Amino acid sequence: IMDMGITRGVEIFVRKVAPLGDPVEVTVRGYELSLRKADAAMI
């Protein structure tokens, strides 16, 4: 998670969530990322 640039204090924009909740697509520091539902639950 930290290697993706997600650290404390960072702003995340939630772009899209798949119908069943996996994956969650977000924008972090100008990069578009897809996170697994389990990983998103740890943030």
PDB file of all heavy atoms in Angstrom:
ATOM      1  N   ILE A   1       0.839  -1.204   0.000  1.00  0.00           N
ATOM      2  CA  ILE A   1       0.000   0.000   0.000  1.00  0.00           C
ATOM      3  C   ILE A   1       0.873   1.253   0.000  1.00  0.00           C
ATOM      4  O   ILE A   1       0.628   2.196  -0.744  1.00  0.00           O
ATOM      5  CB  ILE A   1      -0.963  -0.010   1.213  1.00  0.00           C
ATOM      6  CG1 ILE A   1      -1.991  -1.133   1.043  1.00  0.00           C
ATOM      7  CG2 ILE A   1      -1.662   1.338   1.367  1.00  0.00           C
ATOM      8  CD1 ILE A   1      -2.835  -1.386   2.283  1.00  0.00           C
ATOM      9  N   MET A   2       1.920   1.252   0.798  1.00  0.00           N
ATOM     10  CA  MET A   2       2.813   2.406   0.866  1.00  0.00           C
ATOM     11  C   MET A   2       3.585   2.583  -0.440  1.00  0.00           C
ATOM     12  O   MET A   2       3.866   3.708  -0.851  1.00  0.00           O
ATOM     13  CB  MET A   2       3.757   2.275   2.051  1.00  0.00           C
ATOM     14  CG  MET A   2       3.037   2.409   3.379  1.00  0.00           C
ATOM     15  SD  MET A   2       4.112   2.183   4.788  1.00  0.00           S
ATOM     16  CE  MET A   2       5.056   3.685   4.728  1.00  0.00           C
ATOM     17  N   ASP A   3       3.931   1.499  -1.122  1.00  0.00           N
ATOM     18  CA  ASP A   3       4.627   1.589  -2.403  1.00  0.00           C
ATOM     19  C   ASP A   3       3.768   2.251  -3.469  1.00  0.00           C
ATOM     20  O   ASP A   3       4.284   2.788  -4.449  1.00  0.00           O
ATOM     21  CB  ASP A   3       5.070   0.205  -2.886  1.00  0.00           C
ATOM     22  CG  ASP A   3       6.269  -0.324  -2.123  1.00  0.00           C
ATOM     23  OD1 ASP A   3       6.938   0.473  -1.431  1.00  0.00           O
ATOM     24  OD2 ASP A   3       6.538  -1.539  -2.217  1.00  0.00           O
ATOM     25  N   MET A   4       2.450   2.220  -3.306  1.00  0.00           N
ATOM     26  CA  MET A   4       1.539   2.890  -4.239  1.00  0.00           C
ATOM     27  C   MET A   4       1.473   4.391  -3.975  1.00  0.00           C
ATOM     28  O   MET A   4       0.799   5.115  -4.696  1.00  0.00           O
ATOM     29  CB  MET A   4       0.131   2.310  -4.102  1.00  0.00           C
ATOM     30  CG  MET A   4      -0.021   0.928  -4.607  1.00  0.00           C
ATOM     31  SD  MET A   4      -1.749   0.447  -4.467  1.00  0.00           S
ATOM     32  CE  MET A   4      -1.581  -1.298  -4.265  1.00  0.00           C
ATOM     33  N   GLY A   5       2.134   4.858  -2.933  1.00  0.00           N
ATOM     34  CA  GLY A   5       2.120   6.281  -2.608  1.00  0.00           C
ATOM     35  C   GLY A   5       1.036   6.645  -1.612  1.00  0.00           C
ATOM     36  O   GLY A   5       0.772   7.815  -1.383  1.00  0.00           O
ATOM     37  N   ILE A   6       0.396   5.636  -1.027  1.00  0.00           N
ATOM     38  CA  ILE A   6      -0.669   5.892  -0.055  1.00  0.00           C
ATOM     39  C   ILE A   6      -0.046   5.881   1.340  1.00  0.00           C
ATOM     40  O   ILE A   6       0.316   4.831   1.864  1.00  0.00           O
ATOM     41  CB  ILE A   6      -1.789   4.840  -0.166  1.00  0.00           C
ATOM     42  CG1 ILE A   6      -2.387   4.881  -1.574  1.00  0.00           C
ATOM     43  CG2 ILE A   6      -2.861   5.082   0.895  1.00  0.00           C
ATOM     44  CD1 ILE A   6      -3.372   3.773  -1.857  1.00  0.00           C
ATOM     45  N   THR A   7       0.112   7.074   1.898  1.00  0.00           N
ATOM     46  CA  THR A   7       0.665   7.223   3.237  1.00  0.00           C
ATOM     47  C   THR A   7      -0.220   8.183   4.024  1.00  0.00           C
ATOM     48  O   THR A   7      -1.117   8.804   3.471  1.00  0.00           O
ATOM     49  CB  THR A   7       2.103   7.780   3.178  1.00  0.00           C
ATOM     50  OG1 THR A   7       2.085   9.009   2.459  1.00  0.00           O
ATOM     51  CG2 THR A   7       3.049   6.809   2.502  1.00  0.00           C
ATOM     52  N   ARG A   8       0.042   8.297   5.310  1.00  0.00           N
ATOM     53  CA  ARG A   8      -0.766   9.167   6.161  1.00  0.00           C
ATOM     54  C   ARG A   8      -0.708  10.608   5.660  1.00  0.00           C
ATOM     55  O   ARG A   8       0.352  11.114   5.313  1.00  0.00           O
ATOM     56  CB  ARG A   8      -0.262   9.085   7.596  1.00  0.00           C
ATOM     57  CG  ARG A   8      -1.154   9.782   8.574  1.00  0.00           C
ATOM     58  CD  ARG A   8      -0.755   9.536   9.973  1.00  0.00           C
ATOM     59  NE  ARG A   8       0.707   9.527  10.094  1.00  0.00           N
ATOM     60  CZ  ARG A   8       1.345   9.531  11.221  1.00  0.00           C
ATOM     61  NH1 ARG A   8       0.697   9.539  12.334  1.00  0.00           N
ATOM     62  NH2 ARG A   8       2.660   9.515  11.249  1.00  0.00           N
ATOM     63  N   GLY A   9      -1.867  11.253   5.599  1.00  0.00           N
ATOM     64  CA  GLY A   9      -1.958  12.648   5.190  1.00  0.00           C
ATOM     65  C   GLY A   9      -2.228  12.854   3.710  1.00  0.00           C
ATOM     66  O   GLY A   9      -2.507  13.969   3.294  1.00  0.00           O
ATOM     67  N   VAL A  10      -2.159  11.810   2.912  1.00  0.00           N
ATOM     68  CA  VAL A  10      -2.372  11.931   1.462  1.00  0.00           C
ATOM     69  C   VAL A  10      -3.866  11.970   1.157  1.00  0.00           C
ATOM     70  O   VAL A  10      -4.656  11.271   1.781  1.00  0.00           O
ATOM     71  CB  VAL A  10      -1.722  10.726   0.738  1.00  0.00           C
ATOM     72  CG1 VAL A  10      -2.131  10.673  -0.720  1.00  0.00           C
ATOM     73  CG2 VAL A  10      -0.226  10.788   0.859  1.00  0.00           C
ATOM     74  N   GLU A  11      -4.233  12.817   0.189  1.00  0.00           N
ATOM     75  CA  GLU A  11      -5.635  12.885  -0.235  1.00  0.00           C
ATOM     76  C   GLU A  11      -5.878  11.892  -1.362  1.00  0.00           C
ATOM     77  O   GLU A  11      -5.061  11.767  -2.277  1.00  0.00           O
ATOM     78  CB  GLU A  11      -5.988  14.300  -0.687  1.00  0.00           C
ATOM     79  CG  GLU A  11      -6.056  15.267   0.464  1.00  0.00           C
ATOM     80  CD  GLU A  11      -6.622  16.617   0.069  1.00  0.00           C
ATOM     81  OE1 GLU A  11      -6.872  16.841  -1.126  1.00  0.00           O
ATOM     82  OE2 GLU A  11      -6.813  17.433   0.972  1.00  0.00           O
ATOM     83  N   ILE A  12      -7.014  11.193  -1.268  1.00  0.00           N
ATOM     84  CA  ILE A  12      -7.393  10.181  -2.252  1.00  0.00           C
ATOM     85  C   ILE A  12      -8.764  10.543  -2.800  1.00  0.00           C
ATOM     86  O   ILE A  12      -9.686  10.813  -2.042  1.00  0.00           O
ATOM     87  CB  ILE A  12      -7.449   8.781  -1.608  1.00  0.00           C
ATOM     88  CG1 ILE A  12      -6.069   8.384  -1.082  1.00  0.00           C
ATOM     89  CG2 ILE A  12      -7.964   7.750  -2.600  1.00  0.00           C
ATOM     90  CD1 ILE A  12      -6.066   7.057  -0.343  1.00  0.00           C
ATOM     91  N   PHE A  13      -8.886  10.534  -4.123  1.00  0.00           N
ATOM     92  CA  PHE A  13     -10.170  10.771  -4.782  1.00  0.00           C
ATOM     93  C   PHE A  13     -10.701   9.424  -5.266  1.00  0.00           C
ATOM     94  O   PHE A  13     -10.023   8.710  -5.997  1.00  0.00           O
ATOM     95  CB  PHE A  13      -9.992  11.726  -5.969  1.00  0.00           C
ATOM     96  CG  PHE A  13     -11.244  11.925  -6.769  1.00  0.00           C
ATOM     97  CD1 PHE A  13     -12.304  12.655  -6.242  1.00  0.00           C
ATOM     98  CD2 PHE A  13     -11.388  11.389  -8.032  1.00  0.00           C
ATOM     99  CE1 PHE A  13     -13.470  12.848  -6.968  1.00  0.00           C
ATOM    100  CE2 PHE A  13     -12.540  11.571  -8.770  1.00  0.00           C
ATOM    101  CZ  PHE A  13     -13.587  12.305  -8.230  1.00  0.00           C
ATOM    102  N   VAL A  14     -11.912   9.061  -4.831  1.00  0.00           N
ATOM    103  CA  VAL A  14     -12.528   7.789  -5.222  1.00  0.00           C
ATOM    104  C   VAL A  14     -13.229   8.001  -6.560  1.00  0.00           C
ATOM    105  O   VAL A  14     -14.203   8.725  -6.649  1.00  0.00           O
ATOM    106  CB  VAL A  14     -13.527   7.305  -4.143  1.00  0.00           C
ATOM    107  CG1 VAL A  14     -14.135   5.977  -4.554  1.00  0.00           C
ATOM    108  CG2 VAL A  14     -12.846   7.193  -2.794  1.00  0.00           C
ATOM    109  N   ARG A  15     -12.703   7.378  -7.622  1.00  0.00           N
ATOM    110  CA  ARG A  15     -13.237   7.557  -8.973  1.00  0.00           C
ATOM    111  C   ARG A  15     -14.350   6.572  -9.299  1.00  0.00           C
ATOM    112  O   ARG A  15     -15.319   6.934  -9.944  1.00  0.00           O
ATOM    113  CB  ARG A  15     -12.131   7.371 -10.022  1.00  0.00           C
ATOM    114  CG  ARG A  15     -11.102   8.444 -10.018  1.00  0.00           C
ATOM    115  CD  ARG A  15     -10.101   8.284 -11.137  1.00  0.00           C
ATOM    116  NE  ARG A  15      -9.393   7.011 -11.064  1.00  0.00           N
ATOM    117  CZ  ARG A  15      -9.458   6.068 -12.000  1.00  0.00           C
ATOM    118  NH1 ARG A  15     -10.158   6.238 -13.074  1.00  0.00           N
ATOM    119  NH2 ARG A  15      -8.781   4.954 -11.850  1.00  0.00           N
ATOM    120  N   LYS A  16     -14.175   5.329  -8.914  1.00  0.00           N
ATOM    121  CA  LYS A  16     -15.108   4.304  -9.344  1.00  0.00           C
ATOM    122  C   LYS A  16     -15.018   3.113  -8.406  1.00  0.00           C
ATOM    123  O   LYS A  16     -13.941   2.797  -7.911  1.00  0.00           O
ATOM    124  CB  LYS A  16     -14.735   3.872 -10.766  1.00  0.00           C
ATOM    125  CG  LYS A  16     -15.622   2.848 -11.390  1.00  0.00           C
ATOM    126  CD  LYS A  16     -15.126   2.564 -12.808  1.00  0.00           C
ATOM    127  CE  LYS A  16     -15.857   1.395 -13.414  1.00  0.00           C
ATOM    128  NZ  LYS A  16     -15.318   1.022 -14.723  1.00  0.00           N
ATOM    129  N   VAL A  17     -16.166   2.469  -8.181  1.00  0.00           N
ATOM    130  CA  VAL A  17     -16.199   1.237  -7.406  1.00  0.00           C
ATOM    131  C   VAL A  17     -16.949   0.214  -8.249  1.00  0.00           C
ATOM    132  O   VAL A  17     -18.047   0.488  -8.725  1.00  0.00           O
ATOM    133  CB  VAL A  17     -16.902   1.440  -6.041  1.00  0.00           C
ATOM    134  CG1 VAL A  17     -16.977   0.129  -5.272  1.00  0.00           C
ATOM    135  CG2 VAL A  17     -16.188   2.490  -5.217  1.00  0.00           C
ATOM    136  N   ALA A  18     -16.354  -0.939  -8.447  1.00  0.00           N
ATOM    137  CA  ALA A  18     -16.992  -1.989  -9.248  1.00  0.00           C
ATOM    138  C   ALA A  18     -18.295  -2.413  -8.563  1.00  0.00           C
ATOM    139  O   ALA A  18     -18.446  -2.257  -7.344  1.00  0.00           O
ATOM    140  CB  ALA A  18     -16.058  -3.175  -9.393  1.00  0.00           C
ATOM    141  N   PRO A  19     -19.250  -2.947  -9.331  1.00  0.00           N
ATOM    142  CA  PRO A  19     -20.562  -3.304  -8.768  1.00  0.00           C
ATOM    143  C   PRO A  19     -20.496  -4.185  -7.518  1.00  0.00           C
ATOM    144  O   PRO A  19     -21.283  -4.019  -6.602  1.00  0.00           O
ATOM    145  CB  PRO A  19     -21.257  -4.036  -9.908  1.00  0.00           C
ATOM    146  CG  PRO A  19     -20.606  -3.520 -11.134  1.00  0.00           C
ATOM    147  CD  PRO A  19     -19.187  -3.202 -10.758  1.00  0.00           C
ATOM    148  N   LEU A  20     -19.545  -5.089  -7.468  1.00  0.00           N
ATOM    149  CA  LEU A  20     -19.427  -5.949  -6.288  1.00  0.00           C
ATOM    150  C   LEU A  20     -18.391  -5.419  -5.304  1.00  0.00           C
ATOM    151  O   LEU A  20     -18.041  -6.083  -4.342  1.00  0.00           O
ATOM    152  CB  LEU A  20     -19.081  -7.377  -6.708  1.00  0.00           C
ATOM    153  CG  LEU A  20     -20.138  -8.046  -7.587  1.00  0.00           C
ATOM    154  CD1 LEU A  20     -19.664  -9.426  -8.020  1.00  0.00           C
ATOM    155  CD2 LEU A  20     -21.469  -8.147  -6.879  1.00  0.00           C
ATOM    156  N   GLY A  21     -17.886  -4.219  -5.556  1.00  0.00           N
ATOM    157  CA  GLY A  21     -16.962  -3.577  -4.620  1.00  0.00           C
ATOM    158  C   GLY A  21     -15.504  -3.900  -4.841  1.00  0.00           C
ATOM    159  O   GLY A  21     -14.647  -3.454  -4.099  1.00  0.00           O
ATOM    160  N   ASP A  22     -15.164  -4.686  -5.854  1.00  0.00           N
ATOM    161  CA  ASP A  22     -13.776  -5.067  -6.079  1.00  0.00           C
ATOM    162  C   ASP A  22     -13.458  -4.916  -7.554  1.00  0.00           C
ATOM    163  O   ASP A  22     -14.070  -5.610  -8.361  1.00  0.00           O
ATOM    164  CB  ASP A  22     -13.553  -6.496  -5.633  1.00  0.00           C
ATOM    165  CG  ASP A  22     -12.122  -6.816  -5.253  1.00  0.00           C
ATOM    166  OD1 ASP A  22     -11.303  -5.889  -5.215  1.00  0.00           O
ATOM    167  OD2 ASP A  22     -11.836  -7.988  -4.998  1.00  0.00           O
ATOM    168  N   PRO A  23     -12.618  -4.074  -8.028  1.00  0.00           N
ATOM    169  CA  PRO A  23     -11.714  -3.189  -7.301  1.00  0.00           C
ATOM    170  C   PRO A  23     -12.309  -1.802  -7.047  1.00  0.00           C
ATOM    171  O   PRO A  23     -13.342  -1.455  -7.595  1.00  0.00           O
ATOM    172  CB  PRO A  23     -10.535  -3.064  -8.259  1.00  0.00           C
ATOM    173  CG  PRO A  23     -11.156  -3.119  -9.607  1.00  0.00           C
ATOM    174  CD  PRO A  23     -12.309  -4.086  -9.463  1.00  0.00           C
ATOM    175  N   VAL A  24     -11.585  -1.048  -6.234  1.00  0.00           N
ATOM    176  CA  VAL A  24     -11.906   0.347  -5.979  1.00  0.00           C
ATOM    177  C   VAL A  24     -10.876   1.152  -6.763  1.00  0.00           C
ATOM    178  O   VAL A  24      -9.676   0.967  -6.564  1.00  0.00           O
ATOM    179  CB  VAL A  24     -11.806   0.670  -4.468  1.00  0.00           C
ATOM    180  CG1 VAL A  24     -12.055   2.130  -4.209  1.00  0.00           C
ATOM    181  CG2 VAL A  24     -12.769  -0.202  -3.675  1.00  0.00           C
ATOM    182  N   GLU A  25     -11.325   2.005  -7.664  1.00  0.00           N
ATOM    183  CA  GLU A  25     -10.398   2.804  -8.464  1.00  0.00           C
ATOM    184  C   GLU A  25     -10.291   4.195  -7.847  1.00  0.00           C
ATOM    185  O   GLU A  25     -11.303   4.846  -7.599  1.00  0.00           O
ATOM    186  CB  GLU A  25     -10.868   2.875  -9.913  1.00  0.00           C
ATOM    187  CG  GLU A  25     -10.839   1.519 -10.590  1.00  0.00           C
ATOM    188  CD  GLU A  25     -11.198   1.572 -12.048  1.00  0.00           C
ATOM    189  OE1 GLU A  25     -11.263   2.680 -12.626  1.00  0.00           O
ATOM    190  OE2 GLU A  25     -11.399   0.492 -12.619  1.00  0.00           O
ATOM    191  N   VAL A  26      -9.049   4.630  -7.620  1.00  0.00           N
ATOM    192  CA  VAL A  26      -8.794   5.900  -6.942  1.00  0.00           C
ATOM    193  C   VAL A  26      -7.721   6.686  -7.683  1.00  0.00           C
ATOM    194  O   VAL A  26      -6.996   6.137  -8.510  1.00  0.00           O
ATOM    195  CB  VAL A  26      -8.348   5.665  -5.475  1.00  0.00           C
ATOM    196  CG1 VAL A  26      -9.423   4.989  -4.676  1.00  0.00           C
ATOM    197  CG2 VAL A  26      -7.053   4.875  -5.413  1.00  0.00           C
ATOM    198  N   THR A  27      -7.646   7.973  -7.369  1.00  0.00           N
ATOM    199  CA  THR A  27      -6.568   8.825  -7.856  1.00  0.00           C
ATOM    200  C   THR A  27      -5.770   9.282  -6.645  1.00  0.00           C
ATOM    201  O   THR A  27      -6.330   9.847  -5.711  1.00  0.00           O
ATOM    202  CB  THR A  27      -7.121  10.042  -8.628  1.00  0.00           C
ATOM    203  OG1 THR A  27      -7.904   9.574  -9.714  1.00  0.00           O
ATOM    204  CG2 THR A  27      -5.988  10.912  -9.151  1.00  0.00           C
ATOM    205  N   VAL A  28      -4.461   9.000  -6.664  1.00  0.00           N
ATOM    206  CA  VAL A  28      -3.566   9.356  -5.572  1.00  0.00           C
ATOM    207  C   VAL A  28      -2.356  10.067  -6.171  1.00  0.00           C
ATOM    208  O   VAL A  28      -1.676   9.502  -7.036  1.00  0.00           O
ATOM    209  CB  VAL A  28      -3.080   8.102  -4.814  1.00  0.00           C
ATOM    210  CG1 VAL A  28      -2.144   8.483  -3.680  1.00  0.00           C
ATOM    211  CG2 VAL A  28      -4.241   7.295  -4.296  1.00  0.00           C
ATOM    212  N   ARG A  29      -2.104  11.290  -5.738  1.00  0.00           N
ATOM    213  CA  ARG A  29      -0.940  12.067  -6.197  1.00  0.00           C
ATOM    214  C   ARG A  29      -0.858  12.127  -7.725  1.00  0.00           C
ATOM    215  O   ARG A  29       0.219  12.051  -8.298  1.00  0.00           O
ATOM    216  CB  ARG A  29       0.344  11.479  -5.631  1.00  0.00           C
ATOM    217  CG  ARG A  29       0.400  11.519  -4.130  1.00  0.00           C
ATOM    218  CD  ARG A  29       1.661  10.929  -3.604  1.00  0.00           C
ATOM    219  NE  ARG A  29       1.606  10.902  -2.154  1.00  0.00           N
ATOM    220  CZ  ARG A  29       2.655  10.793  -1.384  1.00  0.00           C
ATOM    221  NH1 ARG A  29       3.849  10.691  -1.898  1.00  0.00           N
ATOM    222  NH2 ARG A  29       2.516  10.766  -0.073  1.00  0.00           N
ATOM    223  N   GLY A  30      -2.018  12.208  -8.372  1.00  0.00           N
ATOM    224  CA  GLY A  30      -2.049  12.326  -9.821  1.00  0.00           C
ATOM    225  C   GLY A  30      -2.005  11.003 -10.566  1.00  0.00           C
ATOM    226  O   GLY A  30      -2.046  10.980 -11.788  1.00  0.00           O
ATOM    227  N   TYR A  31      -1.911   9.888  -9.855  1.00  0.00           N
ATOM    228  CA  TYR A  31      -1.875   8.569 -10.476  1.00  0.00           C
ATOM    229  C   TYR A  31      -3.201   7.854 -10.262  1.00  0.00           C
ATOM    230  O   TYR A  31      -3.788   7.928  -9.179  1.00  0.00           O
ATOM    231  CB  TYR A  31      -0.745   7.713  -9.881  1.00  0.00           C
ATOM    232  CG  TYR A  31       0.621   8.238 -10.201  1.00  0.00           C
ATOM    233  CD1 TYR A  31       1.326   9.006  -9.284  1.00  0.00           C
ATOM    234  CD2 TYR A  31       1.216   7.972 -11.431  1.00  0.00           C
ATOM    235  CE1 TYR A  31       2.581   9.495  -9.576  1.00  0.00           C
ATOM    236  CE2 TYR A  31       2.476   8.456 -11.733  1.00  0.00           C
ATOM    237  CZ  TYR A  31       3.156   9.212 -10.804  1.00  0.00           C
ATOM    238  OH  TYR A  31       4.396   9.697 -11.099  1.00  0.00           O
ATOM    239  N   GLU A  32      -3.653   7.138 -11.283  1.00  0.00           N
ATOM    240  CA  GLU A  32      -4.875   6.356 -11.172  1.00  0.00           C
ATOM    241  C   GLU A  32      -4.510   4.940 -10.766  1.00  0.00           C
ATOM    242  O   GLU A  32      -3.694   4.293 -11.431  1.00  0.00           O
ATOM    243  CB  GLU A  32      -5.626   6.373 -12.499  1.00  0.00           C
ATOM    244  CG  GLU A  32      -6.091   7.768 -12.874  1.00  0.00           C
ATOM    245  CD  GLU A  32      -6.791   7.823 -14.211  1.00  0.00           C
ATOM    246  OE1 GLU A  32      -6.847   6.803 -14.916  1.00  0.00           O
ATOM    247  OE2 GLU A  32      -7.290   8.899 -14.546  1.00  0.00           O
ATOM    248  N   LEU A  33      -5.103   4.467  -9.669  1.00  0.00           N
ATOM    249  CA  LEU A  33      -4.788   3.149  -9.129  1.00  0.00           C
ATOM    250  C   LEU A  33      -6.050   2.328  -8.927  1.00  0.00           C
ATOM    251  O   LEU A  33      -7.132   2.876  -8.731  1.00  0.00           O
ATOM    252  CB  LEU A  33      -4.090   3.287  -7.765  1.00  0.00           C
ATOM    253  CG  LEU A  33      -2.823   4.128  -7.693  1.00  0.00           C
ATOM    254  CD1 LEU A  33      -2.405   4.292  -6.241  1.00  0.00           C
ATOM    255  CD2 LEU A  33      -1.721   3.472  -8.490  1.00  0.00           C
ATOM    256  N   SER A  34      -5.890   1.016  -8.934  1.00  0.00           N
ATOM    257  CA  SER A  34      -6.973   0.104  -8.575  1.00  0.00           C
ATOM    258  C   SER A  34      -6.540  -0.636  -7.323  1.00  0.00           C
ATOM    259  O   SER A  34      -5.439  -1.186  -7.260  1.00  0.00           O
ATOM    260  CB  SER A  34      -7.219  -0.915  -9.689  1.00  0.00           C
ATOM    261  OG  SER A  34      -7.770  -0.297 -10.804  1.00  0.00           O
ATOM    262  N   LEU A  35      -7.402  -0.631  -6.314  1.00  0.00           N
ATOM    263  CA  LEU A  35      -7.118  -1.316  -5.055  1.00  0.00           C
ATOM    264  C   LEU A  35      -8.083  -2.463  -4.864  1.00  0.00           C
ATOM    265  O   LEU A  35      -9.262  -2.351  -5.185  1.00  0.00           O
ATOM    266  CB  LEU A  35      -7.289  -0.355  -3.877  1.00  0.00           C
ATOM    267  CG  LEU A  35      -6.304   0.786  -3.762  1.00  0.00           C
ATOM    268  CD1 LEU A  35      -6.765   1.744  -2.680  1.00  0.00           C
ATOM    269  CD2 LEU A  35      -4.941   0.255  -3.426  1.00  0.00           C
ATOM    270  N   ARG A  36      -7.588  -3.536  -4.308  1.00  0.00           N
ATOM    271  CA  ARG A  36      -8.480  -4.626  -3.930  1.00  0.00           C
ATOM    272  C   ARG A  36      -9.323  -4.192  -2.747  1.00  0.00           C
ATOM    273  O   ARG A  36      -8.919  -3.349  -1.950  1.00  0.00           O
ATOM    274  CB  ARG A  36      -7.674  -5.867  -3.558  1.00  0.00           C
ATOM    275  CG  ARG A  36      -6.969  -6.472  -4.742  1.00  0.00           C
ATOM    276  CD  ARG A  36      -6.304  -7.742  -4.380  1.00  0.00           C
ATOM    277  NE  ARG A  36      -5.178  -7.460  -3.496  1.00  0.00           N
ATOM    278  CZ  ARG A  36      -4.190  -8.299  -3.281  1.00  0.00           C
ATOM    279  NH1 ARG A  36      -4.189  -9.470  -3.839  1.00  0.00           N
ATOM    280  NH2 ARG A  36      -3.209  -7.980  -2.488  1.00  0.00           N
ATOM    281  N   LYS A  37     -10.492  -4.766  -2.647  1.00  0.00           N
ATOM    282  CA  LYS A  37     -11.422  -4.437  -1.568  1.00  0.00           C
ATOM    283  C   LYS A  37     -10.765  -4.668  -0.204  1.00  0.00           C
ATOM    284  O   LYS A  37     -10.922  -3.861   0.709  1.00  0.00           O
ATOM    285  CB  LYS A  37     -12.666  -5.310  -1.748  1.00  0.00           C
ATOM    286  CG  LYS A  37     -13.784  -5.049  -0.800  1.00  0.00           C
ATOM    287  CD  LYS A  37     -15.055  -5.762  -1.192  1.00  0.00           C
ATOM    288  CE  LYS A  37     -14.850  -7.180  -1.662  1.00  0.00           C
ATOM    289  NZ  LYS A  37     -16.096  -7.894  -1.907  1.00  0.00           N
ATOM    290  N   ALA A  38     -10.020  -5.745  -0.071  1.00  0.00           N
ATOM    291  CA  ALA A  38      -9.358  -6.059   1.212  1.00  0.00           C
ATOM    292  C   ALA A  38      -8.316  -5.006   1.567  1.00  0.00           C
ATOM    293  O   ALA A  38      -8.159  -4.624   2.726  1.00  0.00           O
ATOM    294  CB  ALA A  38      -8.721  -7.445   1.151  1.00  0.00           C
ATOM    295  N   ASP A  39      -7.581  -4.517   0.557  1.00  0.00           N
ATOM    296  CA  ASP A  39      -6.585  -3.474   0.813  1.00  0.00           C
ATOM    297  C   ASP A  39      -7.237  -2.159   1.182  1.00  0.00           C
ATOM    298  O   ASP A  39      -6.768  -1.440   2.063  1.00  0.00           O
ATOM    299  CB  ASP A  39      -5.683  -3.278  -0.404  1.00  0.00           C
ATOM    300  CG  ASP A  39      -4.759  -4.468  -0.662  1.00  0.00           C
ATOM    301  OD1 ASP A  39      -4.674  -5.347   0.218  1.00  0.00           O
ATOM    302  OD2 ASP A  39      -4.136  -4.510  -1.733  1.00  0.00           O
ATOM    303  N   ALA A  40      -8.344  -1.825   0.509  1.00  0.00           N
ATOM    304  CA  ALA A  40      -9.059  -0.580   0.798  1.00  0.00           C
ATOM    305  C   ALA A  40      -9.605  -0.581   2.224  1.00  0.00           C
ATOM    306  O   ALA A  40      -9.707   0.466   2.855  1.00  0.00           O
ATOM    307  CB  ALA A  40     -10.189  -0.372  -0.205  1.00  0.00           C
ATOM    308  N   ALA A  41      -9.943  -1.758   2.744  1.00  0.00           N
ATOM    309  CA  ALA A  41     -10.464  -1.858   4.108  1.00  0.00           C
ATOM    310  C   ALA A  41      -9.383  -1.594   5.154  1.00  0.00           C
ATOM    311  O   ALA A  41      -9.677  -1.332   6.311  1.00  0.00           O
ATOM    312  CB  ALA A  41     -11.083  -3.230   4.337  1.00  0.00           C
ATOM    313  N   MET A  42      -8.107  -1.642   4.755  1.00  0.00           N
ATOM    314  CA  MET A  42      -6.995  -1.419   5.687  1.00  0.00           C
ATOM    315  C   MET A  42      -6.536   0.029   5.722  1.00  0.00           C
ATOM    316  O   MET A  42      -5.597   0.372   6.424  1.00  0.00           O
ATOM    317  CB  MET A  42      -5.818  -2.312   5.315  1.00  0.00           C
ATOM    318  CG  MET A  42      -6.099  -3.764   5.472  1.00  0.00           C
ATOM    319  SD  MET A  42      -4.660  -4.706   5.012  1.00  0.00           S
ATOM    320  CE  MET A  42      -5.379  -6.324   4.911  1.00  0.00           C
ATOM    321  N   ILE A  43      -7.208   0.901   4.962  1.00  0.00           N
ATOM    322  CA  ILE A  43      -6.844   2.308   4.894  1.00  0.00           C
ATOM    323  C   ILE A  43      -7.925   3.121   5.595  1.00  0.00           C
ATOM    324  O   ILE A  43      -9.034   3.231   5.087  1.00  0.00           O
ATOM    325  CB  ILE A  43      -6.679   2.765   3.436  1.00  0.00           C
ATOM    326  CG1 ILE A  43      -5.618   1.901   2.734  1.00  0.00           C
ATOM    327  CG2 ILE A  43      -6.308   4.236   3.380  1.00  0.00           C
ATOM    328  CD1 ILE A  43      -5.561   2.105   1.240  1.00  0.00           C
TER     329      ILE A  43
END
